[in-house]
Amino acid sequence: MTATVKQGTPWSPSEIAQLKSMLGQQCDRKGIAAQLGRTEEAVAAKLYKLHGRRTAQGSGKRQQRRRKSASFFLS
């Protein structure tokens, strides 16, 4: 599998500006990652560094697993 991911390369100011622009357009992490050639995790980490919270939505599978495991412990 060939990857076009910019693994380990610093974010350029233009990439950060594009990230903020796409975030304002309500794009999800997967779409932002594909457009910028980054992983969803890299996008989430950059958003966390910029805003101190996760602002773009991912697929939600991790949250679904957490809710499911939490309900197991609560029952």
PDB file of N, CA and C in Angstrom:
ATOM      1  N   MET A   1       0.855  -1.173   0.000  1.00  0.00           N
ATOM      2  CA  MET A   1       0.000   0.000   0.000  1.00  0.00           C
ATOM      3  C   MET A   1       0.892   1.223   0.000  1.00  0.00           C
ATOM      4  N   THR A   2       0.711   2.104  -0.941  1.00  0.00           N
ATOM      5  CA  THR A   2       1.484   3.334  -0.988  1.00  0.00           C
ATOM      6  C   THR A   2       0.745   4.421  -0.228  1.00  0.00           C
ATOM      7  N   ALA A   3       1.487   5.116   0.600  1.00  0.00           N
ATOM      8  CA  ALA A   3       0.891   6.159   1.417  1.00  0.00           C
ATOM      9  C   ALA A   3       1.434   7.511   0.977  1.00  0.00           C
ATOM     10  N   THR A   4       0.549   8.474   0.918  1.00  0.00           N
ATOM     11  CA  THR A   4       0.965   9.830   0.621  1.00  0.00           C
ATOM     12  C   THR A   4       0.957  10.676   1.881  1.00  0.00           C
ATOM     13  N   VAL A   5       1.020  10.019   3.003  1.00  0.00           N
ATOM     14  CA  VAL A   5       0.948  10.695   4.292  1.00  0.00           C
ATOM     15  C   VAL A   5       2.291  11.341   4.604  1.00  0.00           C
ATOM     16  N   LYS A   6       2.228  12.567   5.080  1.00  0.00           N
ATOM     17  CA  LYS A   6       3.426  13.329   5.424  1.00  0.00           C
ATOM     18  C   LYS A   6       3.833  13.007   6.858  1.00  0.00           C
ATOM     19  N   GLN A   7       4.197  11.785   7.092  1.00  0.00           N
ATOM     20  CA  GLN A   7       4.498  11.327   8.442  1.00  0.00           C
ATOM     21  C   GLN A   7       5.769  11.978   8.972  1.00  0.00           C
ATOM     22  N   GLY A   8       5.651  12.627  10.110  1.00  0.00           N
ATOM     23  CA  GLY A   8       6.803  13.204  10.775  1.00  0.00           C
ATOM     24  C   GLY A   8       7.208  14.576  10.278  1.00  0.00           C
ATOM     25  N   THR A   9       6.550  15.087   9.240  1.00  0.00           N
ATOM     26  CA  THR A   9       6.908  16.403   8.756  1.00  0.00           C
ATOM     27  C   THR A   9       6.117  17.471   9.500  1.00  0.00           C
ATOM     28  N   PRO A  10       6.748  18.585   9.812  1.00  0.00           N
ATOM     29  CA  PRO A  10       6.039  19.660  10.521  1.00  0.00           C
ATOM     30  C   PRO A  10       4.918  20.252   9.665  1.00  0.00           C
ATOM     31  N   TRP A  11       3.930  20.785  10.333  1.00  0.00           N
ATOM     32  CA  TRP A  11       2.818  21.427   9.650  1.00  0.00           C
ATOM     33  C   TRP A  11       3.278  22.796   9.168  1.00  0.00           C
ATOM     34  N   SER A  12       2.999  23.108   7.929  1.00  0.00           N
ATOM     35  CA  SER A  12       3.335  24.427   7.393  1.00  0.00           C
ATOM     36  C   SER A  12       2.215  25.404   7.763  1.00  0.00           C
ATOM     37  N   PRO A  13       2.522  26.696   7.766  1.00  0.00           N
ATOM     38  CA  PRO A  13       1.472  27.686   8.054  1.00  0.00           C
ATOM     39  C   PRO A  13       0.298  27.601   7.073  1.00  0.00           C
ATOM     40  N   SER A  14       0.575  27.275   5.817  1.00  0.00           N
ATOM     41  CA  SER A  14      -0.523  27.155   4.849  1.00  0.00           C
ATOM     42  C   SER A  14      -1.404  25.937   5.148  1.00  0.00           C
ATOM     43  N   GLU A  15      -0.797  24.843   5.622  1.00  0.00           N
ATOM     44  CA  GLU A  15      -1.588  23.666   6.003  1.00  0.00           C
ATOM     45  C   GLU A  15      -2.465  23.973   7.215  1.00  0.00           C
ATOM     46  N   ILE A  16      -1.923  24.712   8.162  1.00  0.00           N
ATOM     47  CA  ILE A  16      -2.703  25.079   9.350  1.00  0.00           C
ATOM     48  C   ILE A  16      -3.867  25.984   8.956  1.00  0.00           C
ATOM     49  N   ALA A  17      -3.602  26.928   8.046  1.00  0.00           N
ATOM     50  CA  ALA A  17      -4.675  27.805   7.566  1.00  0.00           C
ATOM     51  C   ALA A  17      -5.756  27.007   6.847  1.00  0.00           C
ATOM     52  N   GLN A  18      -5.341  26.033   6.044  1.00  0.00           N
ATOM     53  CA  GLN A  18      -6.301  25.190   5.330  1.00  0.00           C
ATOM     54  C   GLN A  18      -7.092  24.337   6.324  1.00  0.00           C
ATOM     55  N   LEU A  19      -6.427  23.836   7.352  1.00  0.00           N
ATOM     56  CA  LEU A  19      -7.095  23.056   8.391  1.00  0.00           C
ATOM     57  C   LEU A  19      -8.181  23.885   9.069  1.00  0.00           C
ATOM     58  N   LYS A  20      -7.837  25.113   9.432  1.00  0.00           N
ATOM     59  CA  LYS A  20      -8.809  25.997  10.087  1.00  0.00           C
ATOM     60  C   LYS A  20      -9.963  26.328   9.158  1.00  0.00           C
ATOM     61  N   SER A  21      -9.659  26.535   7.880  1.00  0.00           N
ATOM     62  CA  SER A  21     -10.703  26.835   6.904  1.00  0.00           C
ATOM     63  C   SER A  21     -11.665  25.664   6.754  1.00  0.00           C
ATOM     64  N   MET A  22     -11.113  24.468   6.638  1.00  0.00           N
ATOM     65  CA  MET A  22     -11.953  23.281   6.489  1.00  0.00           C
ATOM     66  C   MET A  22     -12.762  23.024   7.749  1.00  0.00           C
ATOM     67  N   LEU A  23     -12.189  23.346   8.888  1.00  0.00           N
ATOM     68  CA  LEU A  23     -12.906  23.179  10.142  1.00  0.00           C
ATOM     69  C   LEU A  23     -14.107  24.118  10.186  1.00  0.00           C
ATOM     70  N   GLY A  24     -13.924  25.335   9.681  1.00  0.00           N
ATOM     71  CA  GLY A  24     -15.024  26.294   9.616  1.00  0.00           C
ATOM     72  C   GLY A  24     -16.133  25.861   8.668  1.00  0.00           C
ATOM     73  N   GLN A  25     -15.788  25.014   7.704  1.00  0.00           N
ATOM     74  CA  GLN A  25     -16.768  24.502   6.751  1.00  0.00           C
ATOM     75  C   GLN A  25     -17.423  23.213   7.241  1.00  0.00           C
ATOM     76  N   GLN A  26     -17.168  22.862   8.497  1.00  0.00           N
ATOM     77  CA  GLN A  26     -17.755  21.673   9.126  1.00  0.00           C
ATOM     78  C   GLN A  26     -17.320  20.367   8.469  1.00  0.00           C
ATOM     79  N   CYS A  27     -16.088  20.311   7.968  1.00  0.00           N
ATOM     80  CA  CYS A  27     -15.548  19.066   7.411  1.00  0.00           C
ATOM     81  C   CYS A  27     -15.186  18.127   8.563  1.00  0.00           C
ATOM     82  N   ASP A  28     -15.288  16.835   8.326  1.00  0.00           N
ATOM     83  CA  ASP A  28     -14.905  15.875   9.350  1.00  0.00           C
ATOM     84  C   ASP A  28     -13.408  15.584   9.249  1.00  0.00           C
ATOM     85  N   ARG A  29     -12.892  14.924  10.273  1.00  0.00           N
ATOM     86  CA  ARG A  29     -11.455  14.619  10.337  1.00  0.00           C
ATOM     87  C   ARG A  29     -10.984  13.788   9.163  1.00  0.00           C
ATOM     88  N   LYS A  30     -11.788  12.844   8.740  1.00  0.00           N
ATOM     89  CA  LYS A  30     -11.405  11.968   7.641  1.00  0.00           C
ATOM     90  C   LYS A  30     -11.222  12.768   6.351  1.00  0.00           C
ATOM     91  N   GLY A  31     -12.137  13.671   6.075  1.00  0.00           N
ATOM     92  CA  GLY A  31     -12.045  14.503   4.886  1.00  0.00           C
ATOM     93  C   GLY A  31     -10.866  15.464   4.943  1.00  0.00           C
ATOM     94  N   ILE A  32     -10.646  16.051   6.117  1.00  0.00           N
ATOM     95  CA  ILE A  32      -9.517  16.969   6.294  1.00  0.00           C
ATOM     96  C   ILE A  32      -8.209  16.217   6.101  1.00  0.00           C
ATOM     97  N   ALA A  33      -8.121  15.039   6.691  1.00  0.00           N
ATOM     98  CA  ALA A  33      -6.899  14.235   6.587  1.00  0.00           C
ATOM     99  C   ALA A  33      -6.612  13.870   5.134  1.00  0.00           C
ATOM    100  N   ALA A  34      -7.626  13.483   4.408  1.00  0.00           N
ATOM    101  CA  ALA A  34      -7.446  13.109   3.005  1.00  0.00           C
ATOM    102  C   ALA A  34      -6.981  14.310   2.184  1.00  0.00           C
ATOM    103  N   GLN A  35      -7.575  15.457   2.431  1.00  0.00           N
ATOM    104  CA  GLN A  35      -7.230  16.659   1.675  1.00  0.00           C
ATOM    105  C   GLN A  35      -5.802  17.122   1.961  1.00  0.00           C
ATOM    106  N   LEU A  36      -5.373  17.006   3.218  1.00  0.00           N
ATOM    107  CA  LEU A  36      -4.050  17.488   3.601  1.00  0.00           C
ATOM    108  C   LEU A  36      -2.960  16.427   3.471  1.00  0.00           C
ATOM    109  N   GLY A  37      -3.337  15.179   3.225  1.00  0.00           N
ATOM    110  CA  GLY A  37      -2.347  14.110   3.127  1.00  0.00           C
ATOM    111  C   GLY A  37      -1.781  13.736   4.481  1.00  0.00           C
ATOM    112  N   ARG A  38      -2.591  13.855   5.511  1.00  0.00           N
ATOM    113  CA  ARG A  38      -2.212  13.517   6.888  1.00  0.00           C
ATOM    114  C   ARG A  38      -3.134  12.415   7.392  1.00  0.00           C
ATOM    115  N   THR A  39      -2.758  11.817   8.508  1.00  0.00           N
ATOM    116  CA  THR A  39      -3.628  10.812   9.119  1.00  0.00           C
ATOM    117  C   THR A  39      -4.696  11.514   9.955  1.00  0.00           C
ATOM    118  N   GLU A  40      -5.772  10.797  10.234  1.00  0.00           N
ATOM    119  CA  GLU A  40      -6.815  11.345  11.089  1.00  0.00           C
ATOM    120  C   GLU A  40      -6.263  11.663  12.475  1.00  0.00           C
ATOM    121  N   GLU A  41      -5.344  10.823  12.942  1.00  0.00           N
ATOM    122  CA  GLU A  41      -4.743  11.045  14.257  1.00  0.00           C
ATOM    123  C   GLU A  41      -3.909  12.323  14.271  1.00  0.00           C
ATOM    124  N   ALA A  42      -3.192  12.585  13.169  1.00  0.00           N
ATOM    125  CA  ALA A  42      -2.387  13.799  13.079  1.00  0.00           C
ATOM    126  C   ALA A  42      -3.279  15.038  13.074  1.00  0.00           C
ATOM    127  N   VAL A  43      -4.392  14.960  12.369  1.00  0.00           N
ATOM    128  CA  VAL A  43      -5.336  16.073  12.331  1.00  0.00           C
ATOM    129  C   VAL A  43      -5.920  16.300  13.719  1.00  0.00           C
ATOM    130  N   ALA A  44      -6.309  15.213  14.397  1.00  0.00           N
ATOM    131  CA  ALA A  44      -6.873  15.333  15.741  1.00  0.00           C
ATOM    132  C   ALA A  44      -5.850  15.935  16.708  1.00  0.00           C
ATOM    133  N   ALA A  45      -4.599  15.508  16.600  1.00  0.00           N
ATOM    134  CA  ALA A  45      -3.556  16.031  17.485  1.00  0.00           C
ATOM    135  C   ALA A  45      -3.313  17.513  17.227  1.00  0.00           C
ATOM    136  N   LYS A  46      -3.304  17.920  15.970  1.00  0.00           N
ATOM    137  CA  LYS A  46      -3.089  19.335  15.640  1.00  0.00           C
ATOM    138  C   LYS A  46      -4.258  20.178  16.127  1.00  0.00           C
ATOM    139  N   LEU A  47      -5.472  19.682  15.949  1.00  0.00           N
ATOM    140  CA  LEU A  47      -6.639  20.409  16.446  1.00  0.00           C
ATOM    141  C   LEU A  47      -6.583  20.550  17.960  1.00  0.00           C
ATOM    142  N   TYR A  48      -6.136  19.505  18.628  1.00  0.00           N
ATOM    143  CA  TYR A  48      -6.036  19.554  20.086  1.00  0.00           C
ATOM    144  C   TYR A  48      -5.000  20.595  20.504  1.00  0.00           C
ATOM    145  N   LYS A  49      -3.869  20.642  19.780  1.00  0.00           N
ATOM    146  CA  LYS A  49      -2.838  21.631  20.098  1.00  0.00           C
ATOM    147  C   LYS A  49      -3.317  23.055  19.834  1.00  0.00           C
ATOM    148  N   LEU A  50      -4.092  23.233  18.773  1.00  0.00           N
ATOM    149  CA  LEU A  50      -4.565  24.564  18.414  1.00  0.00           C
ATOM    150  C   LEU A  50      -5.701  25.051  19.300  1.00  0.00           C
ATOM    151  N   HIS A  51      -6.615  24.149  19.631  1.00  0.00           N
ATOM    152  CA  HIS A  51      -7.832  24.553  20.325  1.00  0.00           C
ATOM    153  C   HIS A  51      -7.981  23.976  21.728  1.00  0.00           C
ATOM    154  N   GLY A  52      -7.142  23.058  22.103  1.00  0.00           N
ATOM    155  CA  GLY A  52      -7.241  22.462  23.424  1.00  0.00           C
ATOM    156  C   GLY A  52      -8.380  21.476  23.569  1.00  0.00           C
ATOM    157  N   ARG A  53      -9.010  21.152  22.462  1.00  0.00           N
ATOM    158  CA  ARG A  53     -10.108  20.177  22.490  1.00  0.00           C
ATOM    159  C   ARG A  53     -10.258  19.595  21.096  1.00  0.00           C
ATOM    160  N   ARG A  54     -10.983  18.520  21.004  1.00  0.00           N
ATOM    161  CA  ARG A  54     -11.238  17.907  19.701  1.00  0.00           C
ATOM    162  C   ARG A  54     -12.432  18.616  19.090  1.00  0.00           C
ATOM    163  N   THR A  55     -12.207  19.245  17.951  1.00  0.00           N
ATOM    164  CA  THR A  55     -13.278  20.034  17.357  1.00  0.00           C
ATOM    165  C   THR A  55     -13.857  19.428  16.097  1.00  0.00           C
ATOM    166  N   ALA A  56     -13.140  18.544  15.440  1.00  0.00           N
ATOM    167  CA  ALA A  56     -13.686  17.885  14.249  1.00  0.00           C
ATOM    168  C   ALA A  56     -14.115  16.478  14.640  1.00  0.00           C
ATOM    169  N   GLN A  57     -15.196  16.040  14.080  1.00  0.00           N
ATOM    170  CA  GLN A  57     -15.736  14.728  14.424  1.00  0.00           C
ATOM    171  C   GLN A  57     -15.049  13.628  13.639  1.00  0.00           C
ATOM    172  N   GLY A  58     -14.749  12.557  14.328  1.00  0.00           N
ATOM    173  CA  GLY A  58     -14.210  11.373  13.675  1.00  0.00           C
ATOM    174  C   GLY A  58     -15.343  10.441  13.323  1.00  0.00           C
ATOM    175  N   SER A  59     -15.027   9.199  13.146  1.00  0.00           N
ATOM    176  CA  SER A  59     -16.052   8.232  12.765  1.00  0.00           C
ATOM    177  C   SER A  59     -16.958   7.877  13.941  1.00  0.00           C
ATOM    178  N   GLY A  60     -16.487   8.092  15.156  1.00  0.00           N
ATOM    179  CA  GLY A  60     -17.304   7.823  16.322  1.00  0.00           C
ATOM    180  C   GLY A  60     -17.212   6.402  16.825  1.00  0.00           C
ATOM    181  N   LYS A  61     -16.471   5.536  16.143  1.00  0.00           N
ATOM    182  CA  LYS A  61     -16.395   4.143  16.564  1.00  0.00           C
ATOM    183  C   LYS A  61     -15.712   4.007  17.919  1.00  0.00           C
ATOM    184  N   ARG A  62     -14.691   4.802  18.157  1.00  0.00           N
ATOM    185  CA  ARG A  62     -13.990   4.727  19.440  1.00  0.00           C
ATOM    186  C   ARG A  62     -14.927   5.140  20.572  1.00  0.00           C
ATOM    187  N   GLN A  63     -15.715   6.200  20.357  1.00  0.00           N
ATOM    188  CA  GLN A  63     -16.643   6.633  21.385  1.00  0.00           C
ATOM    189  C   GLN A  63     -17.719   5.591  21.621  1.00  0.00           C
ATOM    190  N   GLN A  64     -18.161   4.933  20.557  1.00  0.00           N
ATOM    191  CA  GLN A  64     -19.161   3.882  20.715  1.00  0.00           C
ATOM    192  C   GLN A  64     -18.610   2.741  21.545  1.00  0.00           C
ATOM    193  N   ARG A  65     -17.335   2.371  21.309  1.00  0.00           N
ATOM    194  CA  ARG A  65     -16.721   1.301  22.098  1.00  0.00           C
ATOM    195  C   ARG A  65     -16.598   1.712  23.560  1.00  0.00           C
ATOM    196  N   ARG A  66     -16.224   2.968  23.788  1.00  0.00           N
ATOM    197  CA  ARG A  66     -16.092   3.436  25.172  1.00  0.00           C
ATOM    198  C   ARG A  66     -17.423   3.406  25.898  1.00  0.00           C
ATOM    199  N   ARG A  67     -18.478   3.854  25.208  1.00  0.00           N
ATOM    200  CA  ARG A  67     -19.798   3.833  25.833  1.00  0.00           C
ATOM    201  C   ARG A  67     -20.220   2.408  26.147  1.00  0.00           C
ATOM    202  N   LYS A  68     -19.945   1.502  25.218  1.00  0.00           N
ATOM    203  CA  LYS A  68     -20.337   0.107  25.405  1.00  0.00           C
ATOM    204  C   LYS A  68     -19.586  -0.511  26.584  1.00  0.00           C
ATOM    205  N   SER A  69     -18.278  -0.242  26.675  1.00  0.00           N
ATOM    206  CA  SER A  69     -17.505  -0.803  27.774  1.00  0.00           C
ATOM    207  C   SER A  69     -17.889  -0.141  29.097  1.00  0.00           C
ATOM    208  N   ALA A  70     -18.205   1.152  29.056  1.00  0.00           N
ATOM    209  CA  ALA A  70     -18.602   1.833  30.283  1.00  0.00           C
ATOM    210  C   ALA A  70     -19.934   1.286  30.785  1.00  0.00           C
ATOM    211  N   SER A  71     -20.872   1.013  29.873  1.00  0.00           N
ATOM    212  CA  SER A  71     -22.161   0.485  30.304  1.00  0.00           C
ATOM    213  C   SER A  71     -22.013  -0.910  30.899  1.00  0.00           C
ATOM    214  N   PHE A  72     -21.017  -1.661  30.431  1.00  0.00           N
ATOM    215  CA  PHE A  72     -20.757  -2.978  30.992  1.00  0.00           C
ATOM    216  C   PHE A  72     -20.386  -2.861  32.453  1.00  0.00           C
ATOM    217  N   PHE A  73     -19.514  -1.880  32.779  1.00  0.00           N
ATOM    218  CA  PHE A  73     -19.068  -1.714  34.151  1.00  0.00           C
ATOM    219  C   PHE A  73     -20.139  -1.112  35.047  1.00  0.00           C
ATOM    220  N   LEU A  74     -21.069  -0.368  34.452  1.00  0.00           N
ATOM    221  CA  LEU A  74     -22.119   0.270  35.247  1.00  0.00           C
ATOM    222  C   LEU A  74     -23.273  -0.677  35.541  1.00  0.00           C
ATOM    223  N   SER A  75     -23.415  -1.744  34.772  1.00  0.00           N
ATOM    224  CA  SER A  75     -24.563  -2.637  34.978  1.00  0.00           C
ATOM    225  C   SER A  75     -24.292  -3.663  36.050  1.00  0.00           C
TER     226      SER A  75
END
